[in-house]
Amino acid sequence: MSEAEIIAIGTELLLGEIQDSNSRFIAIQLREAGIDLHRVTIVGDNVQRIAQVIRESITRADIIITCGGLGPTVDDPTREAVALAMDVPLDFSPVLWEQINARFQRMHRRITENNRHQAFIPRDSVPIENPVGTAPCFILTKGGKTVTSLPGVPHEMEYIFVQKILPELMKSVPNPSFIKKTVLHVSGMGESVIDDLIGDLEKLPNPTVGLAAHSGQIDVRITAKAKTQDQADKMLREMTEIIREKLGDSIYGIDDVSLTDIVKAELVKANKKLILQEYNLKGELGNFFNKIGFSEFKNEIIDIPLSFEKLIEKIERQTIKNDQALLGIGLNQGASTRQLAMVLKFDQKTSSEERMLGDLDSPLLPWASNIILDFLRKNLKLRKSNEKS
């Protein structure tokens, strides 16, 4: 079994100036290749600290992948750090130097002496040409451990990793396997409740089950590892069915399916337009629903708190056409909490629900929009079920 670690190099990452998108890309590629990734580390542009992280990584993993620090400047120390960590000197590579010169000539750019720095790699490394940039890469294998150093520029790293590095790494994987994953999206049920229902499944070694909380939504991630893709897919299907039995209708979709997609599809099937009537929300939700393709909305600010019963009464009194659905939303805000009231008038039938939105520091829009979409989903689905019966 091959285990990997990623080391993202760059002080700009530690300062929060840019996001580490490289590690995410590599993680996905490793997963698809069946190589276990156990750790991702970010370290600044410092030779000693990078070398120390590499030394620690090779005690745990077979494959270490570094990103960044291969440029021509003084603060590009990855070559020196890898050589230091692996206890080998840096050697000048005439082949890499020729490739760097040729690259600059094709781009009609003047090469400077500090670019020569990029032609030095740790002894016994295999040089890897960078056909889409100026920073060459290398692979060093020593004592059964492989250190691969890639450039930090995302499009360069992605091309080189897929085209050149991954095929080389796969040669050293003794028993390749498939790692597949799927994500179940859950709404209307809290993280602690879900954990209480499927906590036993979260302890399984394979497939693994994990939770990720978002505003008004919980994701249940299932990851399966098997010798063949068919076996991994079968494991995912079986675990998905087990979780569906436990969580029921709270699961609204899988992978790329969104609440917005589901509600819009239900409205299209019913040949209905959605009218949103807001109270005390200053157009926040109305603007959101308009942006994602729903129908018109109306807004009304009421100085006094609007009771749940009063909201239901207001919505029921409004006349709508047969090709419209009227959704009334009211927000009552107390000293430390907010309460969301929802009323749906649909085919002359009225459904309603009240939900707490947590404390005042919680962001209103993501929480409220997901709660409202789930309310619509369940009631539109219920209406369809009643029609069939």
Protein backbone atom coordinates (compact mmCIF):
# COMPACT_ATOMS: atom_id res chain seq x y z
CA MET A 1 0.00 0.00 0.00
CA SER A 2 1.34 3.44 -0.98
CA GLU A 3 0.79 6.41 1.27
CA ALA A 4 1.36 10.03 0.24
CA GLU A 5 1.79 13.44 1.81
CA ILE A 6 1.68 16.86 0.17
CA ILE A 7 3.84 19.79 1.22
CA ALA A 8 2.64 23.15 -0.08
CA ILE A 9 5.49 25.66 -0.01
CA GLY A 10 5.09 29.43 0.07
CA THR A 11 5.00 32.17 2.66
CA GLU A 12 2.13 33.73 0.70
CA LEU A 13 0.02 30.69 1.61
CA LEU A 14 0.74 31.14 5.31
CA LEU A 15 -0.14 34.83 5.10
CA GLY A 16 -3.48 34.05 3.47
CA GLU A 17 -2.62 36.00 0.32
CA ILE A 18 -3.56 33.06 -1.93
CA GLN A 19 -5.43 29.80 -1.43
CA ASP A 20 -3.79 26.40 -1.74
CA SER A 21 -5.67 25.07 -4.76
CA ASN A 22 -2.74 22.84 -5.78
CA SER A 23 -3.17 20.43 -2.87
CA ARG A 24 -6.85 19.97 -3.65
CA PHE A 25 -6.06 19.13 -7.29
CA ILE A 26 -3.36 16.62 -6.35
CA ALA A 27 -5.58 15.08 -3.67
CA ILE A 28 -8.28 14.35 -6.25
CA GLN A 29 -5.74 12.82 -8.66
CA LEU A 30 -4.26 10.63 -5.94
CA ARG A 31 -7.71 9.48 -4.87
CA GLU A 32 -8.60 8.48 -8.42
CA ALA A 33 -5.29 6.59 -8.67
CA GLY A 34 -5.96 4.69 -5.44
CA ILE A 35 -3.07 6.29 -3.53
CA ASP A 36 -3.88 7.14 0.08
CA LEU A 37 -3.24 10.75 1.07
CA HIS A 38 -2.83 11.09 4.83
CA ARG A 39 -1.55 14.61 5.36
CA VAL A 40 -1.18 18.06 3.76
CA THR A 41 1.29 20.54 5.24
CA ILE A 42 1.87 24.22 4.44
CA VAL A 43 5.30 25.68 5.15
CA GLY A 44 6.91 29.02 4.33
CA ASP A 45 9.91 29.78 2.10
CA ASN A 46 12.59 28.68 4.55
CA VAL A 47 15.18 26.00 3.72
CA GLN A 48 15.53 24.60 7.23
CA ARG A 49 11.79 24.43 7.93
CA ILE A 50 11.01 22.82 4.55
CA ALA A 51 13.78 20.24 5.09
CA GLN A 52 12.43 19.43 8.54
CA VAL A 53 8.90 18.89 7.19
CA ILE A 54 10.27 16.58 4.47
CA ARG A 55 12.25 14.58 7.05
CA GLU A 56 9.09 14.15 9.11
CA SER A 57 7.05 13.15 6.06
CA ILE A 58 9.42 10.39 4.94
CA THR A 59 9.04 8.70 8.32
CA ARG A 60 5.32 8.25 7.60
CA ALA A 61 4.78 8.19 3.84
CA ASP A 62 6.23 6.52 0.74
CA ILE A 63 5.46 9.42 -1.60
CA ILE A 64 6.12 13.06 -0.74
CA ILE A 65 4.96 15.74 -3.17
CA THR A 66 6.11 19.34 -2.81
CA CYS A 67 4.54 22.29 -4.63
CA GLY A 68 6.22 25.64 -5.08
CA GLY A 69 9.62 27.15 -4.45
CA LEU A 70 11.20 26.13 -7.77
CA GLY A 71 11.56 29.60 -9.27
CA PRO A 72 14.84 31.45 -9.93
CA THR A 73 14.78 33.86 -6.98
CA VAL A 74 16.39 33.76 -3.57
CA ASP A 75 13.08 32.90 -1.89
CA ASP A 76 12.67 29.72 -3.97
CA PRO A 77 14.44 27.26 -1.68
CA THR A 78 12.82 23.89 -2.44
CA ARG A 79 15.82 22.37 -4.27
CA GLU A 80 18.16 23.15 -1.41
CA ALA A 81 15.63 21.90 1.15
CA VAL A 82 15.08 18.56 -0.60
CA ALA A 83 18.84 18.03 -0.94
CA LEU A 84 19.33 18.86 2.73
CA ALA A 85 16.52 16.58 3.88
CA MET A 86 17.69 13.66 1.74
CA ASP A 87 21.36 14.25 2.61
CA VAL A 88 22.62 14.70 -0.97
CA PRO A 89 24.36 17.64 -2.72
CA LEU A 90 22.93 19.74 -5.52
CA ASP A 91 24.26 18.98 -9.00
CA PHE A 92 24.08 21.11 -12.13
CA SER A 93 22.03 19.50 -14.93
CA PRO A 94 23.17 20.57 -18.42
CA VAL A 95 20.02 18.96 -19.86
CA LEU A 96 17.74 21.13 -17.73
CA TRP A 97 19.81 24.22 -18.52
CA GLU A 98 19.36 23.58 -22.25
CA GLN A 99 15.62 23.14 -21.76
CA ILE A 100 15.38 26.39 -19.79
CA ASN A 101 17.32 28.29 -22.48
CA ALA A 102 15.15 26.85 -25.24
CA ARG A 103 12.01 27.81 -23.37
CA PHE A 104 13.13 31.43 -22.96
CA GLN A 105 14.10 31.63 -26.63
CA ARG A 106 10.66 30.41 -27.72
CA MET A 107 9.06 33.07 -25.54
CA HIS A 108 11.47 35.75 -26.84
CA ARG A 109 12.51 36.56 -23.29
CA ARG A 110 15.98 37.39 -21.99
CA ILE A 111 17.42 34.75 -19.70
CA THR A 112 19.33 35.95 -16.63
CA GLU A 113 22.02 34.32 -14.51
CA ASN A 114 19.63 33.54 -11.67
CA ASN A 115 17.69 31.26 -14.03
CA ARG A 116 20.77 29.03 -13.99
CA HIS A 117 19.83 28.32 -10.36
CA GLN A 118 16.85 26.34 -11.67
CA ALA A 119 19.12 23.84 -13.42
CA PHE A 120 20.50 22.57 -10.09
CA ILE A 121 18.71 19.54 -8.64
CA PRO A 122 19.48 17.08 -5.83
CA ARG A 123 21.98 14.38 -6.84
CA ASP A 124 20.46 11.19 -8.34
CA SER A 125 17.21 13.03 -9.12
CA VAL A 126 15.40 12.43 -12.38
CA PRO A 127 14.91 15.80 -14.10
CA ILE A 128 11.40 16.54 -15.40
CA GLU A 129 11.02 19.09 -18.17
CA ASN A 130 8.40 21.80 -17.75
CA PRO A 131 6.97 22.37 -21.25
CA VAL A 132 4.41 24.93 -20.04
CA GLY A 133 6.65 27.07 -17.83
CA THR A 134 10.22 27.90 -16.87
CA ALA A 135 10.54 25.99 -13.57
CA PRO A 136 11.78 22.42 -14.17
CA CYS A 137 10.86 19.66 -11.73
CA PHE A 138 12.49 16.51 -10.43
CA ILE A 139 11.86 13.16 -8.75
CA LEU A 140 14.27 11.77 -6.18
CA THR A 141 13.94 8.22 -4.88
CA LYS A 142 16.12 7.12 -1.99
CA GLY A 143 15.69 4.34 0.54
CA GLY A 144 12.29 3.40 -0.85
CA LYS A 145 10.97 6.96 -0.44
CA THR A 146 10.07 9.19 -3.40
CA VAL A 147 10.16 12.98 -3.23
CA THR A 148 8.58 14.77 -6.18
CA SER A 149 8.96 18.54 -6.49
CA LEU A 150 6.48 20.48 -8.65
CA PRO A 151 6.14 24.17 -9.53
CA GLY A 152 3.62 26.27 -7.62
CA VAL A 153 1.94 27.87 -10.66
CA PRO A 154 -1.34 25.89 -10.85
CA HIS A 155 -1.61 25.35 -14.61
CA GLU A 156 2.04 24.25 -14.79
CA MET A 157 1.69 21.93 -11.81
CA GLU A 158 -1.53 20.35 -13.10
CA TYR A 159 -0.13 19.60 -16.56
CA ILE A 160 3.14 18.13 -15.29
CA PHE A 161 1.51 16.08 -12.54
CA VAL A 162 -1.06 14.46 -14.84
CA GLN A 163 1.18 13.99 -17.87
CA LYS A 164 4.48 13.04 -16.29
CA ILE A 165 4.49 12.58 -12.53
CA LEU A 166 1.42 10.43 -11.87
CA PRO A 167 2.38 7.79 -14.48
CA GLU A 168 5.80 7.52 -12.79
CA LEU A 169 4.30 7.25 -9.33
CA MET A 170 1.92 4.52 -10.46
CA LYS A 171 4.89 2.35 -11.45
CA SER A 172 5.87 2.17 -7.79
CA VAL A 173 2.37 1.32 -6.52
CA PRO A 174 2.51 -2.46 -5.91
CA ASN A 175 -1.24 -3.14 -5.78
CA PRO A 176 -3.19 -0.31 -7.40
CA SER A 177 -6.73 0.14 -6.15
CA PHE A 178 -9.69 2.41 -6.79
CA ILE A 179 -10.90 5.05 -4.36
CA LYS A 180 -14.39 6.35 -5.13
CA LYS A 181 -16.55 8.78 -3.19
CA THR A 182 -20.06 10.12 -3.18
CA VAL A 183 -21.72 12.86 -1.13
CA LEU A 184 -25.29 12.75 0.19
CA HIS A 185 -26.83 16.18 0.87
CA VAL A 186 -29.09 16.43 3.91
CA SER A 187 -31.38 19.30 4.91
CA GLY A 188 -33.81 19.81 7.78
CA MET A 189 -31.77 17.67 10.16
CA GLY A 190 -28.95 18.86 12.45
CA GLU A 191 -25.42 17.46 12.47
CA SER A 192 -25.73 16.01 15.98
CA VAL A 193 -29.00 14.25 15.07
CA ILE A 194 -27.43 12.75 11.94
CA ASP A 195 -24.40 11.64 13.94
CA ASP A 196 -26.70 9.98 16.46
CA LEU A 197 -28.41 8.04 13.68
CA ILE A 198 -25.37 6.93 11.67
CA GLY A 199 -22.53 7.24 14.19
CA ASP A 200 -21.89 3.48 14.00
CA LEU A 201 -21.23 3.82 10.25
CA GLU A 202 -18.71 6.60 10.84
CA LYS A 203 -16.49 4.11 12.67
CA LEU A 204 -16.15 1.73 9.72
CA PRO A 205 -12.67 1.42 8.11
CA ASN A 206 -13.94 0.85 4.55
CA PRO A 207 -16.10 2.37 3.27
CA THR A 208 -15.59 5.40 5.45
CA VAL A 209 -18.42 7.80 6.34
CA GLY A 210 -17.92 11.40 7.45
CA LEU A 211 -19.99 14.54 8.04
CA ALA A 212 -19.41 18.12 6.92
CA ALA A 213 -21.67 20.94 8.18
CA HIS A 214 -22.72 23.91 6.04
CA SER A 215 -25.28 26.67 6.56
CA GLY A 216 -28.65 24.91 6.68
CA GLN A 217 -27.25 21.72 5.15
CA ILE A 218 -25.15 18.70 6.16
CA ASP A 219 -23.08 16.62 3.74
CA VAL A 220 -22.53 12.91 4.37
CA ARG A 221 -19.42 11.76 2.52
CA ILE A 222 -18.93 8.07 1.67
CA THR A 223 -15.51 6.90 0.45
CA ALA A 224 -14.83 3.34 -0.72
CA LYS A 225 -11.54 1.67 -1.63
CA ALA A 226 -11.46 -1.57 -3.65
CA LYS A 227 -9.40 -3.56 -6.12
CA THR A 228 -11.72 -2.70 -9.00
CA GLN A 229 -13.90 0.24 -9.89
CA ASP A 230 -17.00 -1.99 -9.97
CA GLN A 231 -16.33 -3.20 -6.43
CA ALA A 232 -15.88 0.37 -5.17
CA ASP A 233 -19.11 1.47 -6.89
CA LYS A 234 -20.96 -1.49 -5.33
CA MET A 235 -19.70 -0.55 -1.87
CA LEU A 236 -20.89 3.04 -2.39
CA ARG A 237 -24.34 1.91 -3.54
CA GLU A 238 -24.79 -0.43 -0.59
CA MET A 239 -23.70 2.17 1.97
CA THR A 240 -25.89 4.82 0.32
CA GLU A 241 -28.94 2.56 0.73
CA ILE A 242 -28.13 1.91 4.38
CA ILE A 243 -27.85 5.65 5.08
CA ARG A 244 -31.05 6.37 3.13
CA GLU A 245 -32.91 3.94 5.35
CA LYS A 246 -31.67 5.79 8.44
CA LEU A 247 -32.06 9.41 7.23
CA GLY A 248 -35.03 9.03 4.92
CA ASP A 249 -36.46 12.03 3.09
CA SER A 250 -33.97 14.40 4.73
CA ILE A 251 -31.55 13.35 1.97
CA TYR A 252 -32.46 15.61 -0.91
CA GLY A 253 -29.70 14.84 -3.42
CA ILE A 254 -26.35 13.27 -4.28
CA ASP A 255 -23.07 14.87 -5.41
CA ASP A 256 -23.75 17.84 -7.74
CA VAL A 257 -27.52 18.01 -7.16
CA SER A 258 -28.60 21.20 -5.35
CA LEU A 259 -31.77 22.23 -3.53
CA THR A 260 -32.22 24.99 -6.09
CA ASP A 261 -32.18 22.49 -8.97
CA ILE A 262 -34.75 20.26 -7.26
CA VAL A 263 -37.20 23.05 -6.41
CA LYS A 264 -36.96 24.61 -9.86
CA ALA A 265 -37.59 21.22 -11.47
CA GLU A 266 -40.66 20.63 -9.28
CA LEU A 267 -42.10 24.04 -10.18
CA VAL A 268 -41.54 23.35 -13.88
CA LYS A 269 -43.27 19.95 -13.58
CA ALA A 270 -46.22 21.59 -11.85
CA ASN A 271 -46.23 24.42 -14.42
CA LYS A 272 -46.18 26.99 -11.61
CA LYS A 273 -44.53 30.36 -11.07
CA LEU A 274 -43.35 31.24 -7.58
CA ILE A 275 -44.31 34.58 -6.04
CA LEU A 276 -42.42 35.45 -2.88
CA GLN A 277 -44.03 37.78 -0.36
CA GLU A 278 -41.51 39.01 2.24
CA TYR A 279 -42.13 40.59 5.60
CA ASN A 280 -39.37 42.33 7.57
CA LEU A 281 -36.57 40.99 5.34
CA LYS A 282 -35.73 44.10 3.27
CA GLY A 283 -35.62 42.17 0.00
CA GLU A 284 -32.64 39.97 0.89
CA LEU A 285 -34.29 36.66 0.11
CA GLY A 286 -36.34 38.05 -2.75
CA ASN A 287 -33.20 39.24 -4.52
CA PHE A 288 -31.58 35.84 -3.93
CA PHE A 289 -34.53 33.92 -5.40
CA ASN A 290 -34.63 36.23 -8.41
CA LYS A 291 -30.93 35.64 -9.10
CA ILE A 292 -31.36 31.88 -9.16
CA GLY A 293 -34.23 32.06 -11.61
CA PHE A 294 -37.42 32.10 -9.55
CA SER A 295 -40.32 34.43 -10.25
CA GLU A 296 -41.25 37.86 -8.90
CA PHE A 297 -41.26 38.92 -5.26
CA LYS A 298 -42.94 41.57 -3.16
CA ASN A 299 -41.56 43.16 -0.05
CA GLU A 300 -43.28 44.66 2.96
CA ILE A 301 -41.66 46.08 6.12
CA ILE A 302 -43.85 45.87 9.20
CA ASP A 303 -42.88 47.83 12.29
CA ILE A 304 -44.41 45.39 14.73
CA PRO A 305 -43.48 41.68 14.99
CA LEU A 306 -45.52 39.51 12.64
CA SER A 307 -46.94 36.45 14.41
CA PHE A 308 -46.99 33.08 12.72
CA GLU A 309 -50.76 33.05 12.73
CA LYS A 310 -50.91 36.56 11.26
CA LEU A 311 -48.57 35.58 8.45
CA ILE A 312 -50.74 32.58 7.58
CA GLU A 313 -53.80 34.83 7.58
CA LYS A 314 -52.14 37.43 5.34
CA ILE A 315 -51.08 34.82 2.78
CA GLU A 316 -54.41 33.00 2.74
CA ARG A 317 -56.25 36.26 2.04
CA GLN A 318 -54.21 36.91 -1.12
CA THR A 319 -55.69 35.78 -4.41
CA ILE A 320 -53.35 34.09 -6.87
CA LYS A 321 -53.81 32.65 -10.33
CA ASN A 322 -53.90 28.92 -10.92
CA ASP A 323 -50.43 28.99 -12.52
CA GLN A 324 -48.78 30.58 -9.48
CA ALA A 325 -47.55 29.46 -6.07
CA LEU A 326 -47.38 32.04 -3.28
CA LEU A 327 -44.65 31.74 -0.68
CA GLY A 328 -44.87 34.00 2.34
CA ILE A 329 -41.75 34.55 4.46
CA GLY A 330 -41.68 36.48 7.71
CA LEU A 331 -38.74 37.22 9.99
CA ASN A 332 -39.13 38.07 13.65
CA GLN A 333 -35.96 39.15 15.39
CA GLY A 334 -35.61 39.11 19.17
CA ALA A 335 -32.83 40.26 21.45
CA SER A 336 -30.56 37.35 20.57
CA THR A 337 -32.44 35.05 18.17
CA ARG A 338 -34.26 35.12 14.86
CA GLN A 339 -37.35 33.17 13.90
CA LEU A 340 -38.31 32.38 10.31
CA ALA A 341 -41.96 31.71 9.45
CA MET A 342 -42.83 30.14 6.08
CA VAL A 343 -46.25 29.78 4.47
CA LEU A 344 -46.86 28.21 1.05
CA LYS A 345 -50.18 28.66 -0.75
CA PHE A 346 -50.25 26.16 -3.57
CA ASP A 347 -53.26 24.82 -5.50
CA GLN A 348 -55.52 26.54 -2.95
CA LYS A 349 -53.88 24.57 -0.12
CA THR A 350 -51.76 26.16 2.60
CA SER A 351 -48.70 24.65 4.30
CA SER A 352 -46.69 26.37 7.02
CA GLU A 353 -43.65 25.93 9.24
CA GLU A 354 -41.59 27.90 11.76
CA ARG A 355 -37.81 27.53 12.13
CA MET A 356 -35.21 29.14 14.38
CA LEU A 357 -32.26 30.76 12.61
CA GLY A 358 -29.86 30.72 15.53
CA ASP A 359 -28.19 33.75 17.07
CA LEU A 360 -27.86 37.15 15.44
CA ASP A 361 -24.23 36.51 14.46
CA SER A 362 -25.21 33.68 12.09
CA PRO A 363 -25.33 34.75 8.41
CA LEU A 364 -28.96 35.19 7.42
CA LEU A 365 -28.96 34.46 3.69
CA PRO A 366 -27.30 31.02 3.47
CA TRP A 367 -29.20 29.64 6.44
CA ALA A 368 -32.59 31.08 5.48
CA SER A 369 -32.33 30.26 1.77
CA ASN A 370 -31.50 26.59 2.41
CA ILE A 371 -34.25 26.26 5.00
CA ILE A 372 -36.80 27.84 2.64
CA LEU A 373 -35.71 25.71 -0.32
CA ASP A 374 -36.03 22.57 1.79
CA PHE A 375 -39.49 23.68 2.95
CA LEU A 376 -40.50 24.12 -0.70
CA ARG A 377 -38.95 20.79 -1.70
CA LYS A 378 -40.85 18.81 0.92
CA ASN A 379 -44.19 20.49 0.27
CA LEU A 380 -43.95 20.29 -3.51
CA LYS A 381 -43.03 16.61 -3.20
CA LEU A 382 -45.92 16.06 -0.78
CA ARG A 383 -48.35 17.70 -3.20
CA LYS A 384 -47.15 15.39 -5.97
CA SER A 385 -47.52 12.30 -3.73
CA ASN A 386 -51.07 13.31 -2.80
CA GLU A 387 -51.97 13.70 -6.47
CA LYS A 388 -50.81 10.15 -7.23
CA SER A 389 -52.76 8.71 -4.30
